[in-house]
Amino acid sequence: MTATLRNPEEWQDCFFAKLARPRTLLDLFDTIPGVYMYIKDAKSRFVRANQVVCQVVGASHPDELVGRTDFDFFPPAIATQYVAEDQRVITSGESLSDQVWMVPGKNGVPKLYLCSKIPLHDRKGKVVGIAGLKRPYEYSTEDSAGFSRLASVIAFVTENYASDIDVTQMAEHVHLSVSQLQREFSNKFGISPIRYLREVRIGVVRHMLEHSDLPLAQIATECGFYDQSHLARHFKSSTGLTPLKYRQRFTHR
């Protein structure tokens, strides 16, 4: 029978010190489907990311991310939020668990993810970076019975974002009052249902700007905005760029 170790951390440190290439452990990142995993330094530059992250940013190999930041892959307003959260962990030295984020899917429609980040320390105790992951919200163990109701609202928005829908229709869809829906949705996801609808529409607009030559007026109509100016106003508020600037910078064609 193996004796209980008095200092498990010291034993672990000894084991890892024996490895010729400790970073080969990071190859396991790529075996976890649907989960974003990454390591960044204290300046929020990628040190390593898995293939799921590569797919989102359009990189063919994790090495293409090394030394770059979220500002190289995302609009300024979105990158700023990612980096700001990194710096909260780096500055405080404290972990963050289960922060709700909306991450665009393949068709641009954002999906809800839970993000956790931990600080990484050097041998002197200084924070030199972070490690983080994002996992789909539905994998969370904290889901309550109310989540299925809110998931129905999310599905309703995903299926009808191009139509003239509002928060009243969302509430009626799940037999709640508007105030009940707003309270439950905001408490669970940290944003209002109408803000979620707008971000879904913006996500699809981003996808269409990246992958098509469609005129902005047509994109506005197909994504549920009143007109081109209505879209442009909300798009810049969400991303920090005008639709034209966004298309010029992030087109994948």
C-alpha atoms as a PDB file:
ATOM      1  CA  MET A   1       0.000   0.000   0.000  1.00  0.00           C
ATOM      2  CA  THR A   2       1.384   3.407  -0.982  1.00  0.00           C
ATOM      3  CA  ALA A   3       1.955   5.821   1.903  1.00  0.00           C
ATOM      4  CA  THR A   4       0.208   9.203   1.862  1.00  0.00           C
ATOM      5  CA  LEU A   5       2.616  11.967   0.809  1.00  0.00           C
ATOM      6  CA  ARG A   6       3.142  14.694   3.380  1.00  0.00           C
ATOM      7  CA  ASN A   7       3.719  17.360   0.743  1.00  0.00           C
ATOM      8  CA  PRO A   8       1.864  16.532  -2.484  1.00  0.00           C
ATOM      9  CA  GLU A   9       2.766  19.877  -4.109  1.00  0.00           C
ATOM     10  CA  GLU A  10       6.475  19.334  -3.583  1.00  0.00           C
ATOM     11  CA  TRP A  11       6.208  15.833  -5.007  1.00  0.00           C
ATOM     12  CA  GLN A  12       4.348  17.172  -8.038  1.00  0.00           C
ATOM     13  CA  ASP A  13       6.947  19.907  -8.564  1.00  0.00           C
ATOM     14  CA  CYS A  14       9.684  17.284  -8.469  1.00  0.00           C
ATOM     15  CA  PHE A  15       7.894  15.182 -11.058  1.00  0.00           C
ATOM     16  CA  PHE A  16       7.350  18.072 -13.485  1.00  0.00           C
ATOM     17  CA  ALA A  17      10.972  19.171 -13.058  1.00  0.00           C
ATOM     18  CA  LYS A  18      12.047  15.772 -14.399  1.00  0.00           C
ATOM     19  CA  LEU A  19      10.144  16.154 -17.667  1.00  0.00           C
ATOM     20  CA  ALA A  20      12.304  16.984 -20.669  1.00  0.00           C
ATOM     21  CA  ARG A  21       9.492  18.885 -22.431  1.00  0.00           C
ATOM     22  CA  PRO A  22       6.732  19.843 -19.951  1.00  0.00           C
ATOM     23  CA  ARG A  23       4.887  21.784 -22.627  1.00  0.00           C
ATOM     24  CA  THR A  24       4.032  18.538 -24.433  1.00  0.00           C
ATOM     25  CA  LEU A  25       1.337  18.210 -21.764  1.00  0.00           C
ATOM     26  CA  LEU A  26      -0.402  21.082 -23.526  1.00  0.00           C
ATOM     27  CA  ASP A  27      -1.049  18.817 -26.519  1.00  0.00           C
ATOM     28  CA  LEU A  28      -3.929  17.432 -24.459  1.00  0.00           C
ATOM     29  CA  PHE A  29      -5.649  20.785 -25.022  1.00  0.00           C
ATOM     30  CA  ASP A  30      -6.494  19.682 -28.539  1.00  0.00           C
ATOM     31  CA  THR A  31      -8.305  16.507 -27.463  1.00  0.00           C
ATOM     32  CA  ILE A  32     -11.153  18.324 -25.705  1.00  0.00           C
ATOM     33  CA  PRO A  33     -13.906  19.137 -28.233  1.00  0.00           C
ATOM     34  CA  GLY A  34     -15.862  22.360 -27.952  1.00  0.00           C
ATOM     35  CA  VAL A  35     -13.772  23.799 -25.100  1.00  0.00           C
ATOM     36  CA  TYR A  36     -11.512  26.823 -25.565  1.00  0.00           C
ATOM     37  CA  MET A  37      -8.201  26.518 -23.687  1.00  0.00           C
ATOM     38  CA  TYR A  38      -5.302  28.965 -23.739  1.00  0.00           C
ATOM     39  CA  ILE A  39      -2.308  30.371 -21.878  1.00  0.00           C
ATOM     40  CA  LYS A  40      -1.285  34.042 -22.059  1.00  0.00           C
ATOM     41  CA  ASP A  41       1.589  36.043 -20.621  1.00  0.00           C
ATOM     42  CA  ALA A  42       1.247  39.126 -18.404  1.00  0.00           C
ATOM     43  CA  LYS A  43       0.694  41.338 -21.469  1.00  0.00           C
ATOM     44  CA  SER A  44      -2.204  39.139 -22.632  1.00  0.00           C
ATOM     45  CA  ARG A  45      -0.128  37.685 -25.482  1.00  0.00           C
ATOM     46  CA  PHE A  46      -0.957  34.101 -26.428  1.00  0.00           C
ATOM     47  CA  VAL A  47       1.622  31.531 -25.359  1.00  0.00           C
ATOM     48  CA  ARG A  48      -0.479  28.542 -26.366  1.00  0.00           C
ATOM     49  CA  ALA A  49      -4.054  27.904 -27.466  1.00  0.00           C
ATOM     50  CA  ASN A  50      -5.857  24.800 -28.596  1.00  0.00           C
ATOM     51  CA  GLN A  51      -7.360  24.032 -31.994  1.00  0.00           C
ATOM     52  CA  VAL A  52     -10.820  25.219 -30.928  1.00  0.00           C
ATOM     53  CA  VAL A  53      -9.405  28.721 -30.416  1.00  0.00           C
ATOM     54  CA  CYS A  54      -7.602  28.463 -33.761  1.00  0.00           C
ATOM     55  CA  GLN A  55     -10.881  27.709 -35.518  1.00  0.00           C
ATOM     56  CA  VAL A  56     -12.511  30.813 -34.028  1.00  0.00           C
ATOM     57  CA  VAL A  57      -9.692  33.207 -34.971  1.00  0.00           C
ATOM     58  CA  GLY A  58      -9.005  31.623 -38.378  1.00  0.00           C
ATOM     59  CA  ALA A  59      -5.539  30.218 -37.605  1.00  0.00           C
ATOM     60  CA  SER A  60      -4.407  26.893 -39.021  1.00  0.00           C
ATOM     61  CA  HIS A  61      -1.973  26.065 -36.195  1.00  0.00           C
ATOM     62  CA  PRO A  62      -1.537  27.178 -32.541  1.00  0.00           C
ATOM     63  CA  ASP A  63       1.906  28.581 -33.374  1.00  0.00           C
ATOM     64  CA  GLU A  64       0.217  31.327 -35.402  1.00  0.00           C
ATOM     65  CA  LEU A  65      -1.230  32.771 -32.183  1.00  0.00           C
ATOM     66  CA  VAL A  66       2.015  32.866 -30.198  1.00  0.00           C
ATOM     67  CA  GLY A  67       2.989  36.421 -29.245  1.00  0.00           C
ATOM     68  CA  ARG A  68      -0.242  37.920 -30.546  1.00  0.00           C
ATOM     69  CA  THR A  69      -3.196  39.321 -28.594  1.00  0.00           C
ATOM     70  CA  ASP A  70      -6.964  39.359 -28.929  1.00  0.00           C
ATOM     71  CA  PHE A  71      -6.636  42.710 -30.723  1.00  0.00           C
ATOM     72  CA  ASP A  72      -5.091  40.842 -33.666  1.00  0.00           C
ATOM     73  CA  PHE A  73      -8.201  38.694 -34.085  1.00  0.00           C
ATOM     74  CA  PHE A  74     -11.243  40.533 -32.711  1.00  0.00           C
ATOM     75  CA  PRO A  75     -12.838  43.988 -33.086  1.00  0.00           C
ATOM     76  CA  PRO A  76     -11.497  46.540 -30.585  1.00  0.00           C
ATOM     77  CA  ALA A  77     -14.565  46.650 -28.327  1.00  0.00           C
ATOM     78  CA  ILE A  78     -14.607  42.860 -27.966  1.00  0.00           C
ATOM     79  CA  ALA A  79     -10.833  42.471 -27.604  1.00  0.00           C
ATOM     80  CA  THR A  80     -10.840  45.184 -24.939  1.00  0.00           C
ATOM     81  CA  GLN A  81     -13.274  43.169 -22.820  1.00  0.00           C
ATOM     82  CA  TYR A  82     -11.212  39.977 -23.158  1.00  0.00           C
ATOM     83  CA  VAL A  83      -7.957  41.716 -22.243  1.00  0.00           C
ATOM     84  CA  ALA A  84      -9.553  43.683 -19.399  1.00  0.00           C
ATOM     85  CA  GLU A  85     -10.671  40.439 -17.800  1.00  0.00           C
ATOM     86  CA  ASP A  86      -7.156  38.975 -18.258  1.00  0.00           C
ATOM     87  CA  GLN A  87      -5.687  41.980 -16.495  1.00  0.00           C
ATOM     88  CA  ARG A  88      -8.124  41.685 -13.595  1.00  0.00           C
ATOM     89  CA  VAL A  89      -6.687  38.237 -12.882  1.00  0.00           C
ATOM     90  CA  ILE A  90      -3.080  39.354 -13.412  1.00  0.00           C
ATOM     91  CA  THR A  91      -3.431  42.456 -11.224  1.00  0.00           C
ATOM     92  CA  SER A  92      -5.367  40.835  -8.399  1.00  0.00           C
ATOM     93  CA  GLY A  93      -3.669  37.444  -8.533  1.00  0.00           C
ATOM     94  CA  GLU A  94      -7.094  35.895  -7.998  1.00  0.00           C
ATOM     95  CA  SER A  95      -8.933  33.402 -10.166  1.00  0.00           C
ATOM     96  CA  LEU A  96     -12.209  34.092 -11.957  1.00  0.00           C
ATOM     97  CA  SER A  97     -14.751  31.316 -12.312  1.00  0.00           C
ATOM     98  CA  ASP A  98     -17.754  30.862 -14.585  1.00  0.00           C
ATOM     99  CA  GLN A  99     -17.934  34.322 -16.133  1.00  0.00           C
ATOM    100  CA  VAL A 100     -20.600  34.329 -18.867  1.00  0.00           C
ATOM    101  CA  TRP A 101     -19.391  35.228 -22.371  1.00  0.00           C
ATOM    102  CA  MET A 102     -21.025  35.158 -25.776  1.00  0.00           C
ATOM    103  CA  VAL A 103     -18.801  33.505 -28.373  1.00  0.00           C
ATOM    104  CA  PRO A 104     -19.744  33.550 -32.103  1.00  0.00           C
ATOM    105  CA  GLY A 105     -20.532  30.186 -33.664  1.00  0.00           C
ATOM    106  CA  LYS A 106     -19.751  29.162 -37.244  1.00  0.00           C
ATOM    107  CA  ASN A 107     -22.769  31.069 -38.604  1.00  0.00           C
ATOM    108  CA  GLY A 108     -22.069  34.108 -36.442  1.00  0.00           C
ATOM    109  CA  VAL A 109     -24.825  33.431 -33.918  1.00  0.00           C
ATOM    110  CA  PRO A 110     -23.287  33.853 -30.451  1.00  0.00           C
ATOM    111  CA  LYS A 111     -23.442  30.949 -28.014  1.00  0.00           C
ATOM    112  CA  LEU A 112     -23.167  31.269 -24.258  1.00  0.00           C
ATOM    113  CA  TYR A 113     -19.985  30.034 -22.621  1.00  0.00           C
ATOM    114  CA  LEU A 114     -18.641  29.980 -19.071  1.00  0.00           C
ATOM    115  CA  CYS A 115     -15.115  31.330 -18.763  1.00  0.00           C
ATOM    116  CA  SER A 116     -12.663  30.579 -15.961  1.00  0.00           C
ATOM    117  CA  LYS A 117      -9.139  31.995 -15.589  1.00  0.00           C
ATOM    118  CA  ILE A 118      -6.338  31.358 -13.104  1.00  0.00           C
ATOM    119  CA  PRO A 119      -3.123  33.338 -12.477  1.00  0.00           C
ATOM    120  CA  LEU A 120       0.235  31.714 -13.252  1.00  0.00           C
ATOM    121  CA  HIS A 121       3.135  32.526 -10.914  1.00  0.00           C
ATOM    122  CA  ASP A 122       6.890  32.340 -11.370  1.00  0.00           C
ATOM    123  CA  ARG A 123       9.212  30.864  -8.733  1.00  0.00           C
ATOM    124  CA  LYS A 124       9.244  34.174  -6.840  1.00  0.00           C
ATOM    125  CA  GLY A 125       5.457  34.325  -6.631  1.00  0.00           C
ATOM    126  CA  LYS A 126       4.995  37.025  -9.260  1.00  0.00           C
ATOM    127  CA  VAL A 127       2.043  36.649 -11.645  1.00  0.00           C
ATOM    128  CA  VAL A 128       3.523  36.152 -15.116  1.00  0.00           C
ATOM    129  CA  GLY A 129       0.437  35.074 -17.026  1.00  0.00           C
ATOM    130  CA  ILE A 130      -2.916  33.336 -16.966  1.00  0.00           C
ATOM    131  CA  ALA A 131      -4.477  30.090 -18.085  1.00  0.00           C
ATOM    132  CA  GLY A 132      -8.092  30.076 -19.137  1.00  0.00           C
ATOM    133  CA  LEU A 133     -10.873  28.021 -20.616  1.00  0.00           C
ATOM    134  CA  LYS A 134     -14.343  28.573 -21.982  1.00  0.00           C
ATOM    135  CA  ARG A 135     -16.878  25.773 -21.964  1.00  0.00           C
ATOM    136  CA  PRO A 136     -20.444  25.703 -23.304  1.00  0.00           C
ATOM    137  CA  TYR A 137     -22.908  26.956 -20.730  1.00  0.00           C
ATOM    138  CA  GLU A 138     -25.024  23.830 -20.795  1.00  0.00           C
ATOM    139  CA  TYR A 139     -22.131  21.841 -19.325  1.00  0.00           C
ATOM    140  CA  SER A 140     -22.340  23.812 -16.077  1.00  0.00           C
ATOM    141  CA  THR A 141     -23.272  21.905 -12.911  1.00  0.00           C
ATOM    142  CA  GLU A 142     -25.025  24.965 -11.476  1.00  0.00           C
ATOM    143  CA  ASP A 143     -27.938  24.883 -13.920  1.00  0.00           C
ATOM    144  CA  SER A 144     -31.323  24.973 -12.251  1.00  0.00           C
ATOM    145  CA  ALA A 145     -34.755  24.096 -13.547  1.00  0.00           C
ATOM    146  CA  GLY A 146     -35.109  27.692 -14.690  1.00  0.00           C
ATOM    147  CA  PHE A 147     -32.304  27.293 -17.193  1.00  0.00           C
ATOM    148  CA  SER A 148     -34.442  25.212 -19.564  1.00  0.00           C
ATOM    149  CA  ARG A 149     -36.907  28.112 -19.702  1.00  0.00           C
ATOM    150  CA  LEU A 150     -34.159  30.615 -20.509  1.00  0.00           C
ATOM    151  CA  ALA A 151     -32.659  28.181 -23.015  1.00  0.00           C
ATOM    152  CA  SER A 152     -36.015  28.262 -24.786  1.00  0.00           C
ATOM    153  CA  VAL A 153     -35.751  32.061 -24.985  1.00  0.00           C
ATOM    154  CA  ILE A 154     -32.258  31.747 -26.459  1.00  0.00           C
ATOM    155  CA  ALA A 155     -33.522  29.255 -29.044  1.00  0.00           C
ATOM    156  CA  PHE A 156     -36.428  31.585 -29.877  1.00  0.00           C
ATOM    157  CA  VAL A 157     -34.023  34.477 -30.466  1.00  0.00           C
ATOM    158  CA  THR A 158     -31.653  32.312 -32.521  1.00  0.00           C
ATOM    159  CA  GLU A 159     -34.479  31.186 -34.783  1.00  0.00           C
ATOM    160  CA  ASN A 160     -36.216  34.558 -35.134  1.00  0.00           C
ATOM    161  CA  TYR A 161     -33.514  37.262 -34.890  1.00  0.00           C
ATOM    162  CA  ALA A 162     -34.195  38.328 -38.499  1.00  0.00           C
ATOM    163  CA  SER A 163     -37.844  39.086 -37.655  1.00  0.00           C
ATOM    164  CA  ASP A 164     -39.285  42.084 -35.834  1.00  0.00           C
ATOM    165  CA  ILE A 165     -39.301  40.496 -32.366  1.00  0.00           C
ATOM    166  CA  ASP A 166     -39.066  42.214 -28.996  1.00  0.00           C
ATOM    167  CA  VAL A 167     -38.806  41.373 -25.305  1.00  0.00           C
ATOM    168  CA  THR A 168     -42.594  41.073 -24.970  1.00  0.00           C
ATOM    169  CA  GLN A 169     -42.668  38.233 -27.489  1.00  0.00           C
ATOM    170  CA  MET A 170     -39.721  36.543 -25.781  1.00  0.00           C
ATOM    171  CA  ALA A 171     -41.561  36.683 -22.455  1.00  0.00           C
ATOM    172  CA  GLU A 172     -44.800  35.361 -23.969  1.00  0.00           C
ATOM    173  CA  HIS A 173     -42.853  32.483 -25.522  1.00  0.00           C
ATOM    174  CA  VAL A 174     -42.024  31.127 -22.054  1.00  0.00           C
ATOM    175  CA  HIS A 175     -45.161  32.377 -20.251  1.00  0.00           C
ATOM    176  CA  LEU A 176     -43.402  35.002 -18.141  1.00  0.00           C
ATOM    177  CA  SER A 177     -44.037  38.665 -17.639  1.00  0.00           C
ATOM    178  CA  VAL A 178     -41.517  41.039 -19.191  1.00  0.00           C
ATOM    179  CA  SER A 179     -40.148  41.994 -15.775  1.00  0.00           C
ATOM    180  CA  GLN A 180     -39.779  38.339 -14.747  1.00  0.00           C
ATOM    181  CA  LEU A 181     -37.900  37.490 -17.931  1.00  0.00           C
ATOM    182  CA  GLN A 182     -35.640  40.513 -17.664  1.00  0.00           C
ATOM    183  CA  ARG A 183     -34.797  39.698 -14.044  1.00  0.00           C
ATOM    184  CA  GLU A 184     -34.155  35.978 -14.611  1.00  0.00           C
ATOM    185  CA  PHE A 185     -32.195  36.511 -17.827  1.00  0.00           C
ATOM    186  CA  SER A 186     -30.013  39.273 -16.368  1.00  0.00           C
ATOM    187  CA  ASN A 187     -29.349  37.345 -13.164  1.00  0.00           C
ATOM    188  CA  LYS A 188     -28.323  34.230 -15.058  1.00  0.00           C
ATOM    189  CA  PHE A 189     -26.397  35.655 -18.011  1.00  0.00           C
ATOM    190  CA  GLY A 190     -25.395  39.150 -16.924  1.00  0.00           C
ATOM    191  CA  ILE A 191     -27.138  40.876 -19.840  1.00  0.00           C
ATOM    192  CA  SER A 192     -30.720  41.816 -20.664  1.00  0.00           C
ATOM    193  CA  PRO A 193     -32.737  39.737 -23.163  1.00  0.00           C
ATOM    194  CA  ILE A 194     -32.967  42.683 -25.579  1.00  0.00           C
ATOM    195  CA  ARG A 195     -29.183  43.139 -25.390  1.00  0.00           C
ATOM    196  CA  TYR A 196     -28.778  39.436 -26.166  1.00  0.00           C
ATOM    197  CA  LEU A 197     -31.038  39.821 -29.217  1.00  0.00           C
ATOM    198  CA  ARG A 198     -28.937  42.744 -30.433  1.00  0.00           C
ATOM    199  CA  GLU A 199     -25.661  40.864 -29.921  1.00  0.00           C
ATOM    200  CA  VAL A 200     -27.015  37.858 -31.849  1.00  0.00           C
ATOM    201  CA  ARG A 201     -27.897  40.142 -34.741  1.00  0.00           C
ATOM    202  CA  ILE A 202     -24.489  41.841 -34.598  1.00  0.00           C
ATOM    203  CA  GLY A 203     -22.793  38.443 -34.547  1.00  0.00           C
ATOM    204  CA  VAL A 204     -24.549  37.399 -37.744  1.00  0.00           C
ATOM    205  CA  VAL A 205     -23.737  40.759 -39.347  1.00  0.00           C
ATOM    206  CA  ARG A 206     -20.050  40.240 -38.507  1.00  0.00           C
ATOM    207  CA  HIS A 207     -20.159  36.812 -40.141  1.00  0.00           C
ATOM    208  CA  MET A 208     -21.803  38.175 -43.287  1.00  0.00           C
ATOM    209  CA  LEU A 209     -19.332  41.050 -43.538  1.00  0.00           C
ATOM    210  CA  GLU A 210     -16.442  38.592 -43.251  1.00  0.00           C
ATOM    211  CA  HIS A 211     -17.745  36.041 -45.741  1.00  0.00           C
ATOM    212  CA  SER A 212     -19.914  37.841 -48.300  1.00  0.00           C
ATOM    213  CA  ASP A 213     -20.036  40.832 -50.647  1.00  0.00           C
ATOM    214  CA  LEU A 214     -23.652  41.634 -49.802  1.00  0.00           C
ATOM    215  CA  PRO A 215     -24.410  45.373 -49.513  1.00  0.00           C
ATOM    216  CA  LEU A 216     -24.899  46.686 -46.004  1.00  0.00           C
ATOM    217  CA  ALA A 217     -28.549  47.601 -46.627  1.00  0.00           C
ATOM    218  CA  GLN A 218     -29.352  43.990 -47.504  1.00  0.00           C
ATOM    219  CA  ILE A 219     -27.417  42.673 -44.514  1.00  0.00           C
ATOM    220  CA  ALA A 220     -29.357  45.035 -42.264  1.00  0.00           C
ATOM    221  CA  THR A 221     -32.680  43.736 -43.556  1.00  0.00           C
ATOM    222  CA  GLU A 222     -31.659  40.072 -43.291  1.00  0.00           C
ATOM    223  CA  CYS A 223     -30.439  40.523 -39.716  1.00  0.00           C
ATOM    224  CA  GLY A 224     -33.469  42.270 -38.252  1.00  0.00           C
ATOM    225  CA  PHE A 225     -32.365  45.924 -38.313  1.00  0.00           C
ATOM    226  CA  TYR A 226     -34.678  48.683 -39.532  1.00  0.00           C
ATOM    227  CA  ASP A 227     -32.206  50.055 -42.059  1.00  0.00           C
ATOM    228  CA  GLN A 228     -28.523  50.566 -42.790  1.00  0.00           C
ATOM    229  CA  SER A 229     -28.088  53.503 -40.406  1.00  0.00           C
ATOM    230  CA  HIS A 230     -29.775  51.590 -37.566  1.00  0.00           C
ATOM    231  CA  LEU A 231     -27.371  48.712 -38.115  1.00  0.00           C
ATOM    232  CA  ALA A 232     -24.310  50.962 -38.410  1.00  0.00           C
ATOM    233  CA  ARG A 233     -25.081  52.706 -35.122  1.00  0.00           C
ATOM    234  CA  HIS A 234     -25.454  49.481 -33.124  1.00  0.00           C
ATOM    235  CA  PHE A 235     -22.560  47.792 -34.906  1.00  0.00           C
ATOM    236  CA  LYS A 236     -20.066  50.496 -33.965  1.00  0.00           C
ATOM    237  CA  SER A 237     -21.354  50.578 -30.400  1.00  0.00           C
ATOM    238  CA  SER A 238     -20.813  46.818 -30.112  1.00  0.00           C
ATOM    239  CA  THR A 239     -17.503  46.394 -31.953  1.00  0.00           C
ATOM    240  CA  GLY A 240     -15.841  49.818 -31.971  1.00  0.00           C
ATOM    241  CA  LEU A 241     -15.670  49.780 -35.781  1.00  0.00           C
ATOM    242  CA  THR A 242     -17.956  50.862 -38.587  1.00  0.00           C
ATOM    243  CA  PRO A 243     -19.229  48.006 -40.763  1.00  0.00           C
ATOM    244  CA  LEU A 244     -16.984  49.180 -43.626  1.00  0.00           C
ATOM    245  CA  LYS A 245     -13.867  49.253 -41.449  1.00  0.00           C
ATOM    246  CA  TYR A 246     -14.767  45.867 -40.055  1.00  0.00           C
ATOM    247  CA  ARG A 247     -15.201  44.347 -43.512  1.00  0.00           C
ATOM    248  CA  GLN A 248     -11.872  45.777 -44.695  1.00  0.00           C
ATOM    249  CA  ARG A 249      -9.995  44.379 -41.710  1.00  0.00           C
ATOM    250  CA  PHE A 250     -11.628  41.006 -41.097  1.00  0.00           C
ATOM    251  CA  THR A 251     -12.808  39.750 -44.484  1.00  0.00           C
ATOM    252  CA  HIS A 252     -12.040  36.042 -45.063  1.00  0.00           C
ATOM    253  CA  ARG A 253     -12.826  35.891 -48.756  1.00  0.00           C
END
